[in-house]
Amino acid sequence: MTKITIKKTKNGDYAGFTCEGHAGFADKGEDIICAAISILTINLENSLALLVKEPMEVVENEENGLISVDFTKSPSEKSKLLMESYILGISEIFNKYGKRYVQLEFEEV
C-alpha cells in the first residue's frame, strides 16, 4: 500500500507531504497505481523545486518508495496551488482503486 500524508499547520497552511510504500497492485514494472502515484509525486517535488523554487527539505529512499518534503517557510500561493493539484490527482486514484492500494490522510503538524 502507498500511504500519502499531507501535512498542514494549525492555521491550515501546507507544511509538506510524505509519500511512502508501494501500491502492490501488480508486479514491479507492471504496477499502474504505483506508477501514477510516483509520477504525480515526483512531478510535484520537481515543480516545487524548479518552477517555484520553494525552500524545502527533501528526503528520498527509492527502496522504500519514500519521498518526504517539508517546507522550511510558509509556502507561496503557487506552491499551494501545486499541492491542491497533487491532492486532486491522488484523490482520483484513491477513488478509483480504493483503500486497498492507496491511503490518503491529512496530518496537523
N, C-alpha and C. Protein backbone atom coordinates (compact mmCIF):
# COMPACT_ATOMS: atom_id res chain seq x y z
N MET A 1 0.84 -1.18 0.00
CA MET A 1 0.00 0.00 0.00
C MET A 1 0.89 1.24 0.00
N THR A 2 0.46 2.26 -0.71
CA THR A 2 1.13 3.55 -0.70
C THR A 2 0.35 4.48 0.22
N LYS A 3 1.08 5.08 1.15
CA LYS A 3 0.47 6.00 2.11
C LYS A 3 0.95 7.41 1.81
N ILE A 4 0.00 8.31 1.57
CA ILE A 4 0.31 9.70 1.32
C ILE A 4 -0.24 10.51 2.48
N THR A 5 0.63 11.29 3.10
CA THR A 5 0.24 12.14 4.21
C THR A 5 0.49 13.59 3.81
N ILE A 6 -0.56 14.38 3.84
CA ILE A 6 -0.47 15.81 3.58
C ILE A 6 -0.35 16.49 4.94
N LYS A 7 0.73 17.22 5.13
CA LYS A 7 0.99 17.88 6.41
C LYS A 7 0.51 19.33 6.35
N LYS A 8 -0.28 19.69 7.36
CA LYS A 8 -0.80 21.06 7.45
C LYS A 8 -0.54 21.62 8.84
N THR A 9 -0.37 22.92 8.90
CA THR A 9 -0.17 23.59 10.18
C THR A 9 -1.52 23.83 10.86
N LYS A 10 -1.49 24.31 12.08
CA LYS A 10 -2.73 24.61 12.81
C LYS A 10 -3.54 25.68 12.11
N ASN A 11 -2.86 26.61 11.37
CA ASN A 11 -3.60 27.65 10.64
C ASN A 11 -4.09 27.17 9.28
N GLY A 12 -3.81 25.92 8.92
CA GLY A 12 -4.30 25.38 7.67
C GLY A 12 -3.34 25.52 6.50
N ASP A 13 -2.15 26.09 6.74
CA ASP A 13 -1.14 26.17 5.68
C ASP A 13 -0.54 24.78 5.44
N TYR A 14 -0.12 24.54 4.22
CA TYR A 14 0.59 23.30 3.93
C TYR A 14 1.97 23.37 4.56
N ALA A 15 2.39 22.26 5.17
CA ALA A 15 3.71 22.16 5.76
C ALA A 15 4.58 21.19 4.97
N GLY A 16 3.97 20.41 4.07
CA GLY A 16 4.71 19.45 3.26
C GLY A 16 3.88 18.20 3.02
N PHE A 17 4.54 17.14 2.63
CA PHE A 17 3.86 15.87 2.37
C PHE A 17 4.86 14.73 2.46
N THR A 18 4.31 13.54 2.65
CA THR A 18 5.10 12.31 2.62
C THR A 18 4.35 11.29 1.79
N CYS A 19 5.07 10.61 0.93
CA CYS A 19 4.53 9.50 0.14
C CYS A 19 5.45 8.33 0.38
N GLU A 20 4.88 7.21 0.85
CA GLU A 20 5.73 6.07 1.21
C GLU A 20 5.05 4.75 0.89
N GLY A 21 5.84 3.82 0.40
CA GLY A 21 5.36 2.47 0.16
C GLY A 21 5.08 2.21 -1.31
N HIS A 22 4.81 0.96 -1.58
CA HIS A 22 4.49 0.53 -2.94
C HIS A 22 3.06 0.02 -2.94
N ALA A 23 2.32 0.37 -3.97
CA ALA A 23 0.88 0.07 -4.01
C ALA A 23 0.59 -1.43 -3.92
N GLY A 24 1.37 -2.25 -4.60
CA GLY A 24 1.12 -3.69 -4.56
C GLY A 24 -0.02 -4.13 -5.46
N PHE A 25 -0.37 -3.32 -6.43
CA PHE A 25 -1.44 -3.65 -7.37
C PHE A 25 -1.00 -4.74 -8.35
N ALA A 26 0.28 -4.69 -8.73
CA ALA A 26 0.84 -5.65 -9.68
C ALA A 26 2.34 -5.77 -9.42
N ASP A 27 2.99 -6.64 -10.17
CA ASP A 27 4.44 -6.82 -10.04
C ASP A 27 5.18 -5.53 -10.39
N LYS A 28 6.41 -5.43 -9.89
CA LYS A 28 7.26 -4.28 -10.18
C LYS A 28 7.38 -4.11 -11.69
N GLY A 29 7.22 -2.87 -12.13
CA GLY A 29 7.27 -2.59 -13.55
C GLY A 29 5.93 -2.72 -14.25
N GLU A 30 4.95 -3.30 -13.56
CA GLU A 30 3.61 -3.50 -14.12
C GLU A 30 2.53 -2.77 -13.31
N ASP A 31 2.95 -2.17 -12.20
CA ASP A 31 2.01 -1.59 -11.25
C ASP A 31 1.60 -0.18 -11.68
N ILE A 32 0.42 -0.08 -12.30
CA ILE A 32 -0.03 1.21 -12.83
C ILE A 32 -0.38 2.21 -11.72
N ILE A 33 -0.82 1.71 -10.58
CA ILE A 33 -1.15 2.60 -9.46
C ILE A 33 0.13 3.22 -8.91
N CYS A 34 1.12 2.38 -8.68
CA CYS A 34 2.41 2.86 -8.17
C CYS A 34 3.03 3.85 -9.16
N ALA A 35 2.94 3.55 -10.44
CA ALA A 35 3.49 4.44 -11.46
C ALA A 35 2.78 5.79 -11.46
N ALA A 36 1.47 5.78 -11.37
CA ALA A 36 0.70 7.02 -11.38
C ALA A 36 1.02 7.87 -10.16
N ILE A 37 1.08 7.25 -9.00
CA ILE A 37 1.40 7.98 -7.77
C ILE A 37 2.82 8.53 -7.83
N SER A 38 3.74 7.72 -8.33
CA SER A 38 5.14 8.16 -8.45
C SER A 38 5.27 9.35 -9.37
N ILE A 39 4.60 9.32 -10.50
CA ILE A 39 4.66 10.43 -11.45
C ILE A 39 4.12 11.71 -10.81
N LEU A 40 2.96 11.62 -10.17
CA LEU A 40 2.38 12.80 -9.52
C LEU A 40 3.31 13.35 -8.44
N THR A 41 3.87 12.45 -7.64
CA THR A 41 4.69 12.87 -6.51
C THR A 41 6.02 13.47 -6.96
N ILE A 42 6.69 12.82 -7.89
CA ILE A 42 7.97 13.33 -8.38
C ILE A 42 7.75 14.64 -9.14
N ASN A 43 6.67 14.72 -9.91
CA ASN A 43 6.37 15.97 -10.62
C ASN A 43 6.11 17.11 -9.63
N LEU A 44 5.41 16.82 -8.55
CA LEU A 44 5.16 17.85 -7.53
C LEU A 44 6.48 18.31 -6.93
N GLU A 45 7.30 17.37 -6.51
CA GLU A 45 8.59 17.73 -5.91
C GLU A 45 9.43 18.57 -6.88
N ASN A 46 9.52 18.15 -8.14
CA ASN A 46 10.30 18.88 -9.14
C ASN A 46 9.71 20.26 -9.42
N SER A 47 8.39 20.35 -9.50
CA SER A 47 7.73 21.64 -9.76
C SER A 47 7.96 22.62 -8.61
N LEU A 48 7.87 22.12 -7.39
CA LEU A 48 8.12 22.97 -6.23
C LEU A 48 9.56 23.48 -6.24
N ALA A 49 10.51 22.60 -6.58
CA ALA A 49 11.93 22.97 -6.55
C ALA A 49 12.33 23.83 -7.74
N LEU A 50 11.93 23.43 -8.95
CA LEU A 50 12.45 24.07 -10.15
C LEU A 50 11.61 25.23 -10.67
N LEU A 51 10.30 25.12 -10.57
CA LEU A 51 9.43 26.18 -11.09
C LEU A 51 9.16 27.26 -10.05
N VAL A 52 8.88 26.84 -8.83
CA VAL A 52 8.51 27.78 -7.78
C VAL A 52 9.71 28.17 -6.91
N LYS A 53 10.71 27.28 -6.89
CA LYS A 53 11.90 27.48 -6.04
C LYS A 53 11.51 27.60 -4.56
N GLU A 54 10.60 26.71 -4.16
CA GLU A 54 10.10 26.70 -2.78
C GLU A 54 11.20 26.17 -1.86
N PRO A 55 11.54 26.92 -0.79
CA PRO A 55 12.51 26.40 0.18
C PRO A 55 11.93 25.18 0.90
N MET A 56 12.65 24.06 0.83
CA MET A 56 12.13 22.83 1.42
C MET A 56 13.26 21.86 1.71
N GLU A 57 12.96 20.93 2.60
CA GLU A 57 13.87 19.82 2.90
C GLU A 57 13.25 18.57 2.29
N VAL A 58 14.07 17.79 1.60
CA VAL A 58 13.58 16.61 0.90
C VAL A 58 14.35 15.38 1.38
N VAL A 59 13.61 14.30 1.66
CA VAL A 59 14.20 13.01 1.99
C VAL A 59 13.64 12.01 0.99
N GLU A 60 14.52 11.22 0.39
CA GLU A 60 14.10 10.20 -0.58
C GLU A 60 14.77 8.87 -0.26
N ASN A 61 14.04 7.80 -0.46
CA ASN A 61 14.58 6.45 -0.35
C ASN A 61 13.83 5.59 -1.36
N GLU A 62 14.46 5.34 -2.49
CA GLU A 62 13.80 4.63 -3.58
C GLU A 62 13.39 3.21 -3.19
N GLU A 63 14.21 2.55 -2.40
CA GLU A 63 13.91 1.17 -1.99
C GLU A 63 12.60 1.08 -1.21
N ASN A 64 12.37 2.05 -0.33
CA ASN A 64 11.14 2.08 0.48
C ASN A 64 10.01 2.83 -0.21
N GLY A 65 10.30 3.41 -1.37
CA GLY A 65 9.29 4.21 -2.05
C GLY A 65 8.95 5.46 -1.27
N LEU A 66 9.98 6.10 -0.69
CA LEU A 66 9.75 7.25 0.18
C LEU A 66 10.16 8.55 -0.50
N ILE A 67 9.26 9.51 -0.49
CA ILE A 67 9.58 10.90 -0.79
C ILE A 67 8.88 11.72 0.29
N SER A 68 9.68 12.51 1.01
CA SER A 68 9.13 13.36 2.06
C SER A 68 9.63 14.78 1.82
N VAL A 69 8.70 15.72 1.82
CA VAL A 69 9.01 17.13 1.61
C VAL A 69 8.45 17.93 2.78
N ASP A 70 9.30 18.75 3.37
CA ASP A 70 8.88 19.67 4.43
C ASP A 70 9.24 21.07 3.99
N PHE A 71 8.25 21.96 3.96
CA PHE A 71 8.51 23.35 3.63
C PHE A 71 9.25 24.00 4.80
N THR A 72 10.24 24.82 4.49
CA THR A 72 11.01 25.47 5.55
C THR A 72 10.45 26.84 5.91
N LYS A 73 9.44 27.29 5.15
CA LYS A 73 8.71 28.51 5.49
C LYS A 73 7.30 28.35 4.94
N SER A 74 6.45 29.30 5.22
CA SER A 74 5.07 29.24 4.72
C SER A 74 5.11 29.21 3.19
N PRO A 75 4.42 28.25 2.56
CA PRO A 75 4.51 28.11 1.11
C PRO A 75 3.85 29.26 0.35
N SER A 76 4.37 29.51 -0.85
CA SER A 76 3.83 30.55 -1.72
C SER A 76 2.46 30.12 -2.26
N GLU A 77 1.76 31.06 -2.84
CA GLU A 77 0.45 30.76 -3.45
C GLU A 77 0.61 29.74 -4.58
N LYS A 78 1.69 29.83 -5.34
CA LYS A 78 1.93 28.86 -6.42
C LYS A 78 2.13 27.46 -5.84
N SER A 79 2.85 27.37 -4.74
CA SER A 79 3.07 26.08 -4.10
C SER A 79 1.77 25.50 -3.56
N LYS A 80 0.92 26.36 -3.02
CA LYS A 80 -0.38 25.91 -2.53
C LYS A 80 -1.22 25.34 -3.67
N LEU A 81 -1.18 26.00 -4.82
CA LEU A 81 -1.91 25.50 -5.99
C LEU A 81 -1.36 24.15 -6.45
N LEU A 82 -0.04 24.02 -6.46
CA LEU A 82 0.56 22.73 -6.83
C LEU A 82 0.14 21.63 -5.85
N MET A 83 0.09 21.95 -4.56
CA MET A 83 -0.35 20.98 -3.57
C MET A 83 -1.80 20.58 -3.81
N GLU A 84 -2.67 21.55 -4.10
CA GLU A 84 -4.08 21.26 -4.38
C GLU A 84 -4.22 20.36 -5.61
N SER A 85 -3.42 20.61 -6.63
CA SER A 85 -3.43 19.80 -7.83
C SER A 85 -3.00 18.37 -7.52
N TYR A 86 -1.96 18.23 -6.70
CA TYR A 86 -1.48 16.91 -6.28
C TYR A 86 -2.57 16.15 -5.53
N ILE A 87 -3.21 16.81 -4.60
CA ILE A 87 -4.28 16.18 -3.82
C ILE A 87 -5.42 15.75 -4.73
N LEU A 88 -5.76 16.57 -5.70
CA LEU A 88 -6.79 16.22 -6.67
C LEU A 88 -6.42 14.93 -7.42
N GLY A 89 -5.20 14.86 -7.91
CA GLY A 89 -4.75 13.67 -8.64
C GLY A 89 -4.73 12.42 -7.78
N ILE A 90 -4.16 12.55 -6.58
CA ILE A 90 -4.10 11.40 -5.67
C ILE A 90 -5.51 10.97 -5.27
N SER A 91 -6.40 11.92 -5.04
CA SER A 91 -7.79 11.60 -4.66
C SER A 91 -8.49 10.82 -5.76
N GLU A 92 -8.24 11.17 -7.01
CA GLU A 92 -8.84 10.44 -8.13
C GLU A 92 -8.35 8.99 -8.17
N ILE A 93 -7.06 8.80 -7.92
CA ILE A 93 -6.52 7.43 -7.87
C ILE A 93 -7.16 6.67 -6.71
N PHE A 94 -7.24 7.32 -5.55
CA PHE A 94 -7.85 6.70 -4.37
C PHE A 94 -9.31 6.34 -4.66
N ASN A 95 -10.06 7.25 -5.26
CA ASN A 95 -11.48 7.00 -5.55
C ASN A 95 -11.67 5.85 -6.54
N LYS A 96 -10.74 5.70 -7.47
CA LYS A 96 -10.87 4.65 -8.47
C LYS A 96 -10.44 3.28 -7.93
N TYR A 97 -9.36 3.25 -7.15
CA TYR A 97 -8.78 1.97 -6.74
C TYR A 97 -8.97 1.63 -5.27
N GLY A 98 -9.38 2.60 -4.46
CA GLY A 98 -9.77 2.32 -3.09
C GLY A 98 -8.66 2.15 -2.08
N LYS A 99 -9.10 1.82 -0.89
CA LYS A 99 -8.24 1.75 0.30
C LYS A 99 -7.23 0.61 0.26
N ARG A 100 -7.43 -0.34 -0.59
CA ARG A 100 -6.52 -1.49 -0.62
C ARG A 100 -5.12 -1.11 -1.10
N TYR A 101 -5.02 -0.10 -1.97
CA TYR A 101 -3.74 0.24 -2.58
C TYR A 101 -3.22 1.63 -2.20
N VAL A 102 -4.13 2.52 -1.79
CA VAL A 102 -3.76 3.91 -1.53
C VAL A 102 -4.41 4.38 -0.24
N GLN A 103 -3.62 5.03 0.59
CA GLN A 103 -4.15 5.67 1.79
C GLN A 103 -3.79 7.15 1.72
N LEU A 104 -4.77 8.01 1.83
CA LEU A 104 -4.56 9.45 1.82
C LEU A 104 -5.06 10.01 3.14
N GLU A 105 -4.16 10.70 3.84
CA GLU A 105 -4.56 11.29 5.11
C GLU A 105 -3.96 12.69 5.26
N PHE A 106 -4.57 13.46 6.13
CA PHE A 106 -4.11 14.81 6.43
C PHE A 106 -3.69 14.82 7.89
N GLU A 107 -2.54 15.43 8.14
CA GLU A 107 -1.98 15.44 9.49
C GLU A 107 -1.65 16.87 9.91
N GLU A 108 -2.04 17.23 11.09
CA GLU A 108 -1.68 18.55 11.62
C GLU A 108 -0.32 18.46 12.28
N VAL A 109 0.56 19.36 11.87
CA VAL A 109 1.93 19.35 12.42
C VAL A 109 2.25 20.67 13.09
